[in-house]
Amino acid sequence: MTPDQILALALGHVRNATWQLLNDTGGDLVLGLDCLDVESLLNPDDRDPIIAPLEPDAARSLAAAQVLLDQIADQVPPAGWAALLALTVRIGER
C-alpha cells in the first residue's frame, strides 16, 4: 500500500468510529463529533477515506487507525496525533 492509501484506510477507520459513536444507543454525541474533528486534523489535504472493515466498537476502530498511521508516522500532523490519542483515552474512560 502507498502512504496515501494507508492514510485513506486509517481515515475510514476514524469515520467508522464516528458512525459507531453517533449510532450507538449508549453513544456519545460529543465524542462522535470529536471524531470528525480528528478526521479533519489527520486529513489536511481532504482525501476521501477508503471504506474500512467495521471493528466491534469505536475504540477498536480508532486503534486500527492508529496501527495504520504508525506506518506513516512522519506524514501525520502532530495535532492529528494528539487529538487521536486524546480521543482514544476519552473513549476508553466511558
PDB file of N, CA and C in Angstrom:
ATOM      1  N   MET A   1       0.822  -1.185   0.000  1.00  0.00           N
ATOM      2  CA  MET A   1       0.000   0.000   0.000  1.00  0.00           C
ATOM      3  C   MET A   1       0.868   1.252   0.000  1.00  0.00           C
ATOM      4  N   THR A   2       0.419   2.246  -0.676  1.00  0.00           N
ATOM      5  CA  THR A   2       1.131   3.521  -0.681  1.00  0.00           C
ATOM      6  C   THR A   2       0.767   4.303   0.586  1.00  0.00           C
ATOM      7  N   PRO A   3       1.581   5.285   0.948  1.00  0.00           N
ATOM      8  CA  PRO A   3       1.234   6.108   2.112  1.00  0.00           C
ATOM      9  C   PRO A   3      -0.142   6.770   1.988  1.00  0.00           C
ATOM     10  N   ASP A   4      -0.514   7.201   0.777  1.00  0.00           N
ATOM     11  CA  ASP A   4      -1.839   7.806   0.586  1.00  0.00           C
ATOM     12  C   ASP A   4      -2.955   6.795   0.847  1.00  0.00           C
ATOM     13  N   GLN A   5      -2.752   5.555   0.425  1.00  0.00           N
ATOM     14  CA  GLN A   5      -3.756   4.519   0.660  1.00  0.00           C
ATOM     15  C   GLN A   5      -3.847   4.162   2.141  1.00  0.00           C
ATOM     16  N   ILE A   6      -2.708   4.141   2.798  1.00  0.00           N
ATOM     17  CA  ILE A   6      -2.702   3.860   4.241  1.00  0.00           C
ATOM     18  C   ILE A   6      -3.458   4.955   4.982  1.00  0.00           C
ATOM     19  N   LEU A   7      -3.200   6.202   4.628  1.00  0.00           N
ATOM     20  CA  LEU A   7      -3.915   7.316   5.260  1.00  0.00           C
ATOM     21  C   LEU A   7      -5.408   7.210   4.988  1.00  0.00           C
ATOM     22  N   ALA A   8      -5.781   6.929   3.754  1.00  0.00           N
ATOM     23  CA  ALA A   8      -7.200   6.834   3.402  1.00  0.00           C
ATOM     24  C   ALA A   8      -7.887   5.712   4.176  1.00  0.00           C
ATOM     25  N   LEU A   9      -7.210   4.597   4.369  1.00  0.00           N
ATOM     26  CA  LEU A   9      -7.795   3.494   5.132  1.00  0.00           C
ATOM     27  C   LEU A   9      -7.897   3.860   6.612  1.00  0.00           C
ATOM     28  N   ALA A  10      -6.884   4.526   7.147  1.00  0.00           N
ATOM     29  CA  ALA A  10      -6.943   4.991   8.540  1.00  0.00           C
ATOM     30  C   ALA A  10      -8.113   5.960   8.720  1.00  0.00           C
ATOM     31  N   LEU A  11      -8.312   6.838   7.746  1.00  0.00           N
ATOM     32  CA  LEU A  11      -9.445   7.767   7.802  1.00  0.00           C
ATOM     33  C   LEU A  11     -10.768   7.007   7.766  1.00  0.00           C
ATOM     34  N   GLY A  12     -10.804   5.915   7.038  1.00  0.00           N
ATOM     35  CA  GLY A  12     -12.003   5.081   7.007  1.00  0.00           C
ATOM     36  C   GLY A  12     -12.320   4.503   8.381  1.00  0.00           C
ATOM     37  N   HIS A  13     -11.276   4.109   9.116  1.00  0.00           N
ATOM     38  CA  HIS A  13     -11.487   3.602  10.473  1.00  0.00           C
ATOM     39  C   HIS A  13     -11.977   4.709  11.405  1.00  0.00           C
ATOM     40  N   VAL A  14     -11.439   5.911  11.251  1.00  0.00           N
ATOM     41  CA  VAL A  14     -11.913   7.037  12.066  1.00  0.00           C
ATOM     42  C   VAL A  14     -13.374   7.333  11.723  1.00  0.00           C
ATOM     43  N   ARG A  15     -13.707   7.280  10.456  1.00  0.00           N
ATOM     44  CA  ARG A  15     -15.105   7.503  10.040  1.00  0.00           C
ATOM     45  C   ARG A  15     -16.017   6.433  10.640  1.00  0.00           C
ATOM     46  N   ASN A  16     -15.542   5.177  10.676  1.00  0.00           N
ATOM     47  CA  ASN A  16     -16.325   4.113  11.301  1.00  0.00           C
ATOM     48  C   ASN A  16     -16.544   4.393  12.788  1.00  0.00           C
ATOM     49  N   ALA A  17     -15.504   4.867  13.475  1.00  0.00           N
ATOM     50  CA  ALA A  17     -15.639   5.199  14.893  1.00  0.00           C
ATOM     51  C   ALA A  17     -16.688   6.292  15.083  1.00  0.00           C
ATOM     52  N   THR A  18     -16.673   7.267  14.199  1.00  0.00           N
ATOM     53  CA  THR A  18     -17.676   8.336  14.263  1.00  0.00           C
ATOM     54  C   THR A  18     -19.073   7.751  14.137  1.00  0.00           C
ATOM     55  N   TRP A  19     -19.262   6.919  13.144  1.00  0.00           N
ATOM     56  CA  TRP A  19     -20.569   6.295  12.915  1.00  0.00           C
ATOM     57  C   TRP A  19     -20.990   5.462  14.125  1.00  0.00           C
ATOM     58  N   GLN A  20     -20.044   4.701  14.678  1.00  0.00           N
ATOM     59  CA  GLN A  20     -20.361   3.852  15.823  1.00  0.00           C
ATOM     60  C   GLN A  20     -20.783   4.681  17.026  1.00  0.00           C
ATOM     61  N   LEU A  21     -20.112   5.783  17.276  1.00  0.00           N
ATOM     62  CA  LEU A  21     -20.475   6.627  18.417  1.00  0.00           C
ATOM     63  C   LEU A  21     -21.801   7.338  18.206  1.00  0.00           C
ATOM     64  N   LEU A  22     -22.055   7.785  16.999  1.00  0.00           N
ATOM     65  CA  LEU A  22     -23.286   8.530  16.744  1.00  0.00           C
ATOM     66  C   LEU A  22     -24.510   7.627  16.624  1.00  0.00           C
ATOM     67  N   ASN A  23     -24.319   6.355  16.313  1.00  0.00           N
ATOM     68  CA  ASN A  23     -25.455   5.459  16.109  1.00  0.00           C
ATOM     69  C   ASN A  23     -25.668   4.458  17.231  1.00  0.00           C
ATOM     70  N   ASP A  24     -24.787   4.438  18.208  1.00  0.00           N
ATOM     71  CA  ASP A  24     -24.930   3.546  19.351  1.00  0.00           C
ATOM     72  C   ASP A  24     -25.938   4.172  20.316  1.00  0.00           C
ATOM     73  N   THR A  25     -26.855   3.350  20.814  1.00  0.00           N
ATOM     74  CA  THR A  25     -27.864   3.895  21.735  1.00  0.00           C
ATOM     75  C   THR A  25     -27.216   4.478  22.987  1.00  0.00           C
ATOM     76  N   GLY A  26     -26.082   3.935  23.390  1.00  0.00           N
ATOM     77  CA  GLY A  26     -25.352   4.490  24.524  1.00  0.00           C
ATOM     78  C   GLY A  26     -24.220   5.397  24.076  1.00  0.00           C
ATOM     79  N   GLY A  27     -24.223   5.763  22.807  1.00  0.00           N
ATOM     80  CA  GLY A  27     -23.142   6.562  22.240  1.00  0.00           C
ATOM     81  C   GLY A  27     -23.117   7.977  22.778  1.00  0.00           C
ATOM     82  N   ASP A  28     -22.083   8.641  22.487  1.00  0.00           N
ATOM     83  CA  ASP A  28     -21.856   9.988  22.987  1.00  0.00           C
ATOM     84  C   ASP A  28     -21.728  10.923  21.787  1.00  0.00           C
ATOM     85  N   LEU A  29     -22.683  11.814  21.646  1.00  0.00           N
ATOM     86  CA  LEU A  29     -22.701  12.738  20.517  1.00  0.00           C
ATOM     87  C   LEU A  29     -21.437  13.585  20.463  1.00  0.00           C
ATOM     88  N   VAL A  30     -20.978  14.047  21.620  1.00  0.00           N
ATOM     89  CA  VAL A  30     -19.788  14.891  21.655  1.00  0.00           C
ATOM     90  C   VAL A  30     -18.566  14.113  21.171  1.00  0.00           C
ATOM     91  N   LEU A  31     -18.425  12.857  21.606  1.00  0.00           N
ATOM     92  CA  LEU A  31     -17.295  12.055  21.147  1.00  0.00           C
ATOM     93  C   LEU A  31     -17.382  11.794  19.652  1.00  0.00           C
ATOM     94  N   GLY A  32     -18.589  11.568  19.155  1.00  0.00           N
ATOM     95  CA  GLY A  32     -18.769  11.369  17.717  1.00  0.00           C
ATOM     96  C   GLY A  32     -18.352  12.596  16.923  1.00  0.00           C
ATOM     97  N   LEU A  33     -18.727  13.754  17.411  1.00  0.00           N
ATOM     98  CA  LEU A  33     -18.328  14.988  16.734  1.00  0.00           C
ATOM     99  C   LEU A  33     -16.823  15.225  16.853  1.00  0.00           C
ATOM    100  N   ASP A  34     -16.248  14.820  17.980  1.00  0.00           N
ATOM    101  CA  ASP A  34     -14.794  14.933  18.133  1.00  0.00           C
ATOM    102  C   ASP A  34     -14.063  14.031  17.147  1.00  0.00           C
ATOM    103  N   CYS A  35     -14.664  12.886  16.808  1.00  0.00           N
ATOM    104  CA  CYS A  35     -14.075  12.012  15.783  1.00  0.00           C
ATOM    105  C   CYS A  35     -13.986  12.743  14.451  1.00  0.00           C
ATOM    106  N   LEU A  36     -15.010  13.521  14.133  1.00  0.00           N
ATOM    107  CA  LEU A  36     -14.979  14.293  12.888  1.00  0.00           C
ATOM    108  C   LEU A  36     -13.843  15.316  12.920  1.00  0.00           C
ATOM    109  N   ASP A  37     -13.616  15.904  14.093  1.00  0.00           N
ATOM    110  CA  ASP A  37     -12.503  16.851  14.227  1.00  0.00           C
ATOM    111  C   ASP A  37     -11.168  16.150  14.026  1.00  0.00           C
ATOM    112  N   VAL A  38     -11.033  14.952  14.600  1.00  0.00           N
ATOM    113  CA  VAL A  38      -9.793  14.183  14.436  1.00  0.00           C
ATOM    114  C   VAL A  38      -9.573  13.874  12.963  1.00  0.00           C
ATOM    115  N   GLU A  39     -10.648  13.463  12.298  1.00  0.00           N
ATOM    116  CA  GLU A  39     -10.525  13.158  10.867  1.00  0.00           C
ATOM    117  C   GLU A  39     -10.020  14.364  10.091  1.00  0.00           C
ATOM    118  N   SER A  40     -10.543  15.534  10.391  1.00  0.00           N
ATOM    119  CA  SER A  40     -10.102  16.717   9.638  1.00  0.00           C
ATOM    120  C   SER A  40      -8.653  17.085   9.972  1.00  0.00           C
ATOM    121  N   LEU A  41      -8.222  16.863  11.212  1.00  0.00           N
ATOM    122  CA  LEU A  41      -6.830  17.145  11.567  1.00  0.00           C
ATOM    123  C   LEU A  41      -5.863  16.169  10.896  1.00  0.00           C
ATOM    124  N   LEU A  42      -6.302  14.923  10.740  1.00  0.00           N
ATOM    125  CA  LEU A  42      -5.454  13.920  10.091  1.00  0.00           C
ATOM    126  C   LEU A  42      -5.439  14.064   8.578  1.00  0.00           C
ATOM    127  N   ASN A  43      -6.372  14.835   8.051  1.00  0.00           N
ATOM    128  CA  ASN A  43      -6.595  14.885   6.608  1.00  0.00           C
ATOM    129  C   ASN A  43      -6.584  16.318   6.072  1.00  0.00           C
ATOM    130  N   PRO A  44      -5.462  17.028   6.213  1.00  0.00           N
ATOM    131  CA  PRO A  44      -5.454  18.422   5.764  1.00  0.00           C
ATOM    132  C   PRO A  44      -5.622  18.580   4.250  1.00  0.00           C
ATOM    133  N   ASP A  45      -5.336  17.530   3.488  1.00  0.00           N
ATOM    134  CA  ASP A  45      -5.479  17.611   2.030  1.00  0.00           C
ATOM    135  C   ASP A  45      -6.845  17.153   1.544  1.00  0.00           C
ATOM    136  N   ASP A  46      -7.753  16.864   2.473  1.00  0.00           N
ATOM    137  CA  ASP A  46      -9.139  16.495   2.169  1.00  0.00           C
ATOM    138  C   ASP A  46      -9.241  15.283   1.234  1.00  0.00           C
ATOM    139  N   ARG A  47      -8.506  14.235   1.574  1.00  0.00           N
ATOM    140  CA  ARG A  47      -8.574  12.983   0.810  1.00  0.00           C
ATOM    141  C   ARG A  47      -9.852  12.237   1.180  1.00  0.00           C
ATOM    142  N   ASP A  48     -10.354  11.449   0.261  1.00  0.00           N
ATOM    143  CA  ASP A  48     -11.517  10.612   0.538  1.00  0.00           C
ATOM    144  C   ASP A  48     -11.075   9.379   1.310  1.00  0.00           C
ATOM    145  N   PRO A  49     -11.800   9.040   2.387  1.00  0.00           N
ATOM    146  CA  PRO A  49     -11.450   7.818   3.115  1.00  0.00           C
ATOM    147  C   PRO A  49     -11.798   6.577   2.295  1.00  0.00           C
ATOM    148  N   ILE A  50     -11.062   5.508   2.556  1.00  0.00           N
ATOM    149  CA  ILE A  50     -11.394   4.208   1.984  1.00  0.00           C
ATOM    150  C   ILE A  50     -12.332   3.519   2.964  1.00  0.00           C
ATOM    151  N   ILE A  51     -13.323   2.827   2.454  1.00  0.00           N
ATOM    152  CA  ILE A  51     -14.232   2.094   3.331  1.00  0.00           C
ATOM    153  C   ILE A  51     -13.442   1.009   4.040  1.00  0.00           C
ATOM    154  N   ALA A  52     -13.435   1.078   5.355  1.00  0.00           N
ATOM    155  CA  ALA A  52     -12.661   0.142   6.179  1.00  0.00           C
ATOM    156  C   ALA A  52     -13.591  -0.913   6.768  1.00  0.00           C
ATOM    157  N   PRO A  53     -13.051  -2.085   7.048  1.00  0.00           N
ATOM    158  CA  PRO A  53     -13.864  -3.106   7.718  1.00  0.00           C
ATOM    159  C   PRO A  53     -14.318  -2.573   9.076  1.00  0.00           C
ATOM    160  N   LEU A  54     -15.541  -2.874   9.429  1.00  0.00           N
ATOM    161  CA  LEU A  54     -16.106  -2.380  10.682  1.00  0.00           C
ATOM    162  C   LEU A  54     -15.562  -3.186  11.860  1.00  0.00           C
ATOM    163  N   GLU A  55     -14.981  -2.493  12.803  1.00  0.00           N
ATOM    164  CA  GLU A  55     -14.494  -3.114  14.036  1.00  0.00           C
ATOM    165  C   GLU A  55     -15.666  -3.239  15.021  1.00  0.00           C
ATOM    166  N   PRO A  56     -15.502  -4.020  16.090  1.00  0.00           N
ATOM    167  CA  PRO A  56     -16.611  -4.230  17.024  1.00  0.00           C
ATOM    168  C   PRO A  56     -17.096  -2.967  17.747  1.00  0.00           C
ATOM    169  N   ASP A  57     -16.215  -1.988  17.935  1.00  0.00           N
ATOM    170  CA  ASP A  57     -16.632  -0.764  18.621  1.00  0.00           C
ATOM    171  C   ASP A  57     -15.727   0.395  18.202  1.00  0.00           C
ATOM    172  N   ALA A  58     -16.085   1.582  18.659  1.00  0.00           N
ATOM    173  CA  ALA A  58     -15.349   2.781  18.260  1.00  0.00           C
ATOM    174  C   ALA A  58     -13.903   2.757  18.735  1.00  0.00           C
ATOM    175  N   ALA A  59     -13.664   2.251  19.940  1.00  0.00           N
ATOM    176  CA  ALA A  59     -12.296   2.206  20.455  1.00  0.00           C
ATOM    177  C   ALA A  59     -11.411   1.334  19.571  1.00  0.00           C
ATOM    178  N   ARG A  60     -11.940   0.229  19.120  1.00  0.00           N
ATOM    179  CA  ARG A  60     -11.145  -0.655  18.254  1.00  0.00           C
ATOM    180  C   ARG A  60     -10.972  -0.054  16.863  1.00  0.00           C
ATOM    181  N   SER A  61     -11.948   0.689  16.405  1.00  0.00           N
ATOM    182  CA  SER A  61     -11.805   1.372  15.123  1.00  0.00           C
ATOM    183  C   SER A  61     -10.671   2.390  15.188  1.00  0.00           C
ATOM    184  N   LEU A  62     -10.614   3.150  16.288  1.00  0.00           N
ATOM    185  CA  LEU A  62      -9.530   4.123  16.439  1.00  0.00           C
ATOM    186  C   LEU A  62      -8.182   3.434  16.613  1.00  0.00           C
ATOM    187  N   ALA A  63      -8.176   2.287  17.284  1.00  0.00           N
ATOM    188  CA  ALA A  63      -6.926   1.528  17.437  1.00  0.00           C
ATOM    189  C   ALA A  63      -6.431   1.040  16.073  1.00  0.00           C
ATOM    190  N   ALA A  64      -7.354   0.597  15.230  1.00  0.00           N
ATOM    191  CA  ALA A  64      -6.977   0.154  13.877  1.00  0.00           C
ATOM    192  C   ALA A  64      -6.409   1.327  13.077  1.00  0.00           C
ATOM    193  N   ALA A  65      -7.002   2.503  13.243  1.00  0.00           N
ATOM    194  CA  ALA A  65      -6.484   3.694  12.559  1.00  0.00           C
ATOM    195  C   ALA A  65      -5.080   4.012  13.049  1.00  0.00           C
ATOM    196  N   GLN A  66      -4.854   3.900  14.347  1.00  0.00           N
ATOM    197  CA  GLN A  66      -3.538   4.215  14.893  1.00  0.00           C
ATOM    198  C   GLN A  66      -2.475   3.252  14.387  1.00  0.00           C
ATOM    199  N   VAL A  67      -2.812   1.966  14.286  1.00  0.00           N
ATOM    200  CA  VAL A  67      -1.854   0.981  13.764  1.00  0.00           C
ATOM    201  C   VAL A  67      -1.430   1.364  12.343  1.00  0.00           C
ATOM    202  N   LEU A  68      -2.386   1.781  11.544  1.00  0.00           N
ATOM    203  CA  LEU A  68      -2.067   2.189  10.175  1.00  0.00           C
ATOM    204  C   LEU A  68      -1.223   3.469  10.159  1.00  0.00           C
ATOM    205  N   LEU A  69      -1.623   4.423  10.979  1.00  0.00           N
ATOM    206  CA  LEU A  69      -0.902   5.694  10.997  1.00  0.00           C
ATOM    207  C   LEU A  69       0.528   5.531  11.497  1.00  0.00           C
ATOM    208  N   ASP A  70       0.767   4.540  12.350  1.00  0.00           N
ATOM    209  CA  ASP A  70       2.126   4.264  12.811  1.00  0.00           C
ATOM    210  C   ASP A  70       3.055   3.937  11.631  1.00  0.00           C
ATOM    211  N   GLN A  71       2.491   3.399  10.561  1.00  0.00           N
ATOM    212  CA  GLN A  71       3.286   3.047   9.376  1.00  0.00           C
ATOM    213  C   GLN A  71       3.734   4.274   8.588  1.00  0.00           C
ATOM    214  N   ILE A  72       3.022   5.373   8.766  1.00  0.00           N
ATOM    215  CA  ILE A  72       3.348   6.606   8.041  1.00  0.00           C
ATOM    216  C   ILE A  72       3.490   7.770   9.031  1.00  0.00           C
ATOM    217  N   ALA A  73       4.051   7.489  10.177  1.00  0.00           N
ATOM    218  CA  ALA A  73       4.108   8.451  11.285  1.00  0.00           C
ATOM    219  C   ALA A  73       4.687   9.806  10.889  1.00  0.00           C
ATOM    220  N   ASP A  74       5.669   9.798  10.004  1.00  0.00           N
ATOM    221  CA  ASP A  74       6.300  11.063   9.597  1.00  0.00           C
ATOM    222  C   ASP A  74       5.374  11.939   8.750  1.00  0.00           C
ATOM    223  N   GLN A  75       4.279  11.393   8.267  1.00  0.00           N
ATOM    224  CA  GLN A  75       3.344  12.156   7.434  1.00  0.00           C
ATOM    225  C   GLN A  75       2.083  12.574   8.191  1.00  0.00           C
ATOM    226  N   VAL A  76       2.000  12.196   9.464  1.00  0.00           N
ATOM    227  CA  VAL A  76       0.820  12.523  10.262  1.00  0.00           C
ATOM    228  C   VAL A  76       1.058  13.846  10.979  1.00  0.00           C
ATOM    229  N   PRO A  77       0.155  14.817  10.820  1.00  0.00           N
ATOM    230  CA  PRO A  77       0.337  16.096  11.508  1.00  0.00           C
ATOM    231  C   PRO A  77       0.344  15.897  13.031  1.00  0.00           C
ATOM    232  N   PRO A  78       1.234  16.581  13.735  1.00  0.00           N
ATOM    233  CA  PRO A  78       1.304  16.427  15.194  1.00  0.00           C
ATOM    234  C   PRO A  78      -0.036  16.687  15.893  1.00  0.00           C
ATOM    235  N   ALA A  79      -0.787  17.663  15.427  1.00  0.00           N
ATOM    236  CA  ALA A  79      -2.089  17.939  16.041  1.00  0.00           C
ATOM    237  C   ALA A  79      -3.043  16.763  15.849  1.00  0.00           C
ATOM    238  N   GLY A  80      -2.920  16.069  14.727  1.00  0.00           N
ATOM    239  CA  GLY A  80      -3.751  14.891  14.478  1.00  0.00           C
ATOM    240  C   GLY A  80      -3.427  13.772  15.446  1.00  0.00           C
ATOM    241  N   TRP A  81      -2.120  13.548  15.689  1.00  0.00           N
ATOM    242  CA  TRP A  81      -1.696  12.528  16.667  1.00  0.00           C
ATOM    243  C   TRP A  81      -2.268  12.847  18.034  1.00  0.00           C
ATOM    244  N   ALA A  82      -2.075  14.090  18.463  1.00  0.00           N
ATOM    245  CA  ALA A  82      -2.522  14.491  19.800  1.00  0.00           C
ATOM    246  C   ALA A  82      -4.026  14.322  19.962  1.00  0.00           C
ATOM    247  N   ALA A  83      -4.774  14.742  18.950  1.00  0.00           N
ATOM    248  CA  ALA A  83      -6.237  14.630  19.024  1.00  0.00           C
ATOM    249  C   ALA A  83      -6.683  13.169  19.012  1.00  0.00           C
ATOM    250  N   LEU A  84      -6.040  12.346  18.198  1.00  0.00           N
ATOM    251  CA  LEU A  84      -6.388  10.927  18.142  1.00  0.00           C
ATOM    252  C   LEU A  84      -6.124  10.250  19.478  1.00  0.00           C
ATOM    253  N   LEU A  85      -4.967  10.514  20.072  1.00  0.00           N
ATOM    254  CA  LEU A  85      -4.639   9.901  21.353  1.00  0.00           C
ATOM    255  C   LEU A  85      -5.567  10.382  22.466  1.00  0.00           C
ATOM    256  N   ALA A  86      -5.877  11.665  22.478  1.00  0.00           N
ATOM    257  CA  ALA A  86      -6.789  12.198  23.500  1.00  0.00           C
ATOM    258  C   ALA A  86      -8.180  11.585  23.361  1.00  0.00           C
ATOM    259  N   LEU A  87      -8.647  11.450  22.144  1.00  0.00           N
ATOM    260  CA  LEU A  87      -9.967  10.859  21.914  1.00  0.00           C
ATOM    261  C   LEU A  87      -9.982   9.389  22.306  1.00  0.00           C
ATOM    262  N   THR A  88      -8.907   8.687  22.005  1.00  0.00           N
ATOM    263  CA  THR A  88      -8.811   7.274  22.376  1.00  0.00           C
ATOM    264  C   THR A  88      -8.903   7.114  23.891  1.00  0.00           C
ATOM    265  N   VAL A  89      -8.230   7.968  24.619  1.00  0.00           N
ATOM    266  CA  VAL A  89      -8.288   7.927  26.089  1.00  0.00           C
ATOM    267  C   VAL A  89      -9.705   8.213  26.567  1.00  0.00           C
ATOM    268  N   ARG A  90     -10.332   9.235  26.021  1.00  0.00           N
ATOM    269  CA  ARG A  90     -11.701   9.589  26.448  1.00  0.00           C
ATOM    270  C   ARG A  90     -12.695   8.474  26.157  1.00  0.00           C
ATOM    271  N   ILE A  91     -12.558   7.822  25.024  1.00  0.00           N
ATOM    272  CA  ILE A  91     -13.476   6.723  24.699  1.00  0.00           C
ATOM    273  C   ILE A  91     -13.238   5.550  25.648  1.00  0.00           C
ATOM    274  N   GLY A  92     -11.984   5.330  26.007  1.00  0.00           N
ATOM    275  CA  GLY A  92     -11.667   4.245  26.926  1.00  0.00           C
ATOM    276  C   GLY A  92     -12.210   4.468  28.322  1.00  0.00           C
ATOM    277  N   GLU A  93     -12.474   5.704  28.680  1.00  0.00           N
ATOM    278  CA  GLU A  93     -12.980   6.035  30.013  1.00  0.00           C
ATOM    279  C   GLU A  93     -14.494   5.934  30.129  1.00  0.00           C
ATOM    280  N   ARG A  94     -15.182   5.711  29.018  1.00  0.00           N
ATOM    281  CA  ARG A  94     -16.657   5.656  29.073  1.00  0.00           C
ATOM    282  C   ARG A  94     -17.128   4.466  29.858  1.00  0.00           C
TER     283      ARG A  94
END
